[in-house]
Every structure is written in structure tokens, then in C-alpha cells.
Protein backbone atom coordinates (compact mmCIF):
# COMPACT_ATOMS: atom_id res chain seq x y z
CA UNK A 1 0.12 0.17 -0.11
CA UNK A 2 1.68 3.12 -0.89
CA UNK A 3 1.26 6.00 1.48
CA UNK A 4 0.61 9.65 0.39
CA UNK A 5 2.80 12.68 1.63
CA UNK A 6 1.25 15.83 2.64
CA UNK A 7 2.48 18.77 0.09
CA UNK A 8 4.18 20.63 3.08
CA UNK A 9 6.26 17.00 3.91
CA UNK A 10 9.86 17.79 4.36
CA UNK A 11 10.84 14.47 4.54
CA UNK A 12 13.03 14.35 1.08
CA UNK A 13 14.78 17.70 2.14
CA UNK A 14 15.56 15.91 5.65
CA UNK A 15 16.96 12.88 3.88
CA UNK A 16 19.15 15.08 1.36
CA UNK A 17 20.39 16.81 4.17
CA UNK A 18 21.94 14.35 5.74
CA UNK A 19 24.01 13.09 2.14
CA UNK A 20 24.85 16.70 2.10
CA UNK A 21 26.35 16.67 5.50
CA UNK A 22 28.17 13.64 4.78
CA UNK A 23 29.50 15.70 1.32
CA UNK A 24 30.50 18.28 3.43
CA UNK A 25 32.72 15.78 5.81
CA UNK A 26 34.39 14.92 3.36
CA UNK A 27 35.35 18.23 1.52
CA UNK A 28 35.95 19.84 5.44
CA UNK A 29 38.07 16.55 6.65
CA UNK A 30 35.84 16.78 9.70
CA UNK A 31 33.24 14.92 11.39
CA UNK A 32 29.87 17.03 11.47
CA UNK A 33 27.18 16.41 13.74
CA UNK A 34 23.57 18.07 13.81
CA UNK A 35 23.27 19.99 17.39
CA UNK A 36 20.91 22.38 19.33
CA UNK A 37 23.40 24.62 20.75
CA UNK A 38 22.29 26.80 24.06
CA UNK A 39 23.97 30.19 23.67
CA UNK A 40 22.29 31.56 27.16
CA UNK A 41 19.89 33.96 27.98
CA UNK A 42 17.24 31.66 26.56
CA UNK A 43 18.67 31.64 23.06
CA UNK A 44 19.06 28.09 21.34
CA UNK A 45 20.01 27.67 17.53
CA UNK A 46 19.78 24.30 15.68
CA UNK A 47 23.19 23.92 13.54
CA UNK A 48 22.66 21.39 10.66
CA UNK A 49 26.46 20.71 11.18
CA UNK A 50 28.97 21.51 13.76
CA UNK A 51 32.61 20.49 14.83
CA UNK A 52 34.25 22.43 17.96
CA UNK A 53 37.39 21.08 17.42
CA UNK A 54 37.36 22.43 13.74
CA UNK A 55 35.71 25.89 14.86
CA UNK A 56 33.27 24.58 12.00
CA UNK A 57 29.59 25.62 11.96
CA UNK A 58 27.58 24.21 8.86
CA UNK A 59 24.47 25.13 7.41
CA UNK A 60 22.55 23.18 5.06
CA UNK A 61 19.95 23.94 2.75
CA UNK A 62 18.36 21.65 0.51
CA UNK A 63 15.51 22.05 -1.49
CA UNK A 64 13.69 20.18 -4.63
CA UNK A 65 13.32 22.74 -7.35
CA UNK A 66 14.12 25.93 -7.94
CA UNK A 67 14.87 28.12 -5.24
CA UNK A 68 11.92 31.22 -4.13
CA UNK A 69 13.35 34.85 -4.05
CA UNK A 70 13.21 34.52 -0.30
CA UNK A 71 15.46 31.85 -0.03
CA UNK A 72 18.53 33.01 -2.02
CA UNK A 73 20.21 34.64 0.48
CA UNK A 74 18.74 32.42 3.24
CA UNK A 75 22.05 30.52 4.09
CA UNK A 76 24.08 33.73 4.21
CA UNK A 77 21.57 35.15 6.18
CA UNK A 78 21.15 32.57 8.48
CA UNK A 79 25.10 32.03 9.37
CA UNK A 80 25.09 36.03 9.67
CA UNK A 81 22.91 35.70 12.47
CA UNK A 82 24.96 33.76 14.60
């Protein structure tokens, strides 16, 4: 029996992010793990890949299809917020 997915289901993108993180690990020569970082004062951020020893943060944005205009600068904007 085939299951149908809701139009906003992001399971494909989440699976793609895992593959992209693995590719980033090879390119950066370090292990990356997805983590929620507590910055204090009630501020928490979810990072797609982090390696404290290598002082590396990785933001992964996957999408099926062309980017929407608001998404074209999203990754840079997210990283600048840090």
C-alpha cells in the first residue's frame, strides 16, 4: 500500500541534508553533527553541522526545485545571525 505525503512534507529534504552533511564532511575533512546549541539568555539555535575541534559550523539548505526569491540569500543570512 502506497502512503501519500502532505504537500508540506519535508522528509525528502531532511534525507538530502544527511547526504549533503556527509559530502561536507569529506570536503572539510572533519566530522559534523547536527546539534542544538544553547547560547544562553534563552537563546538556542539548531545547527545542521558542527565540529568544535575544527571550529566549524555548517548550515545546509536543501530544496527540490528552484529556489524561491526569499531563499536565495537564506543560508548567508542564517549564518550572519550567528
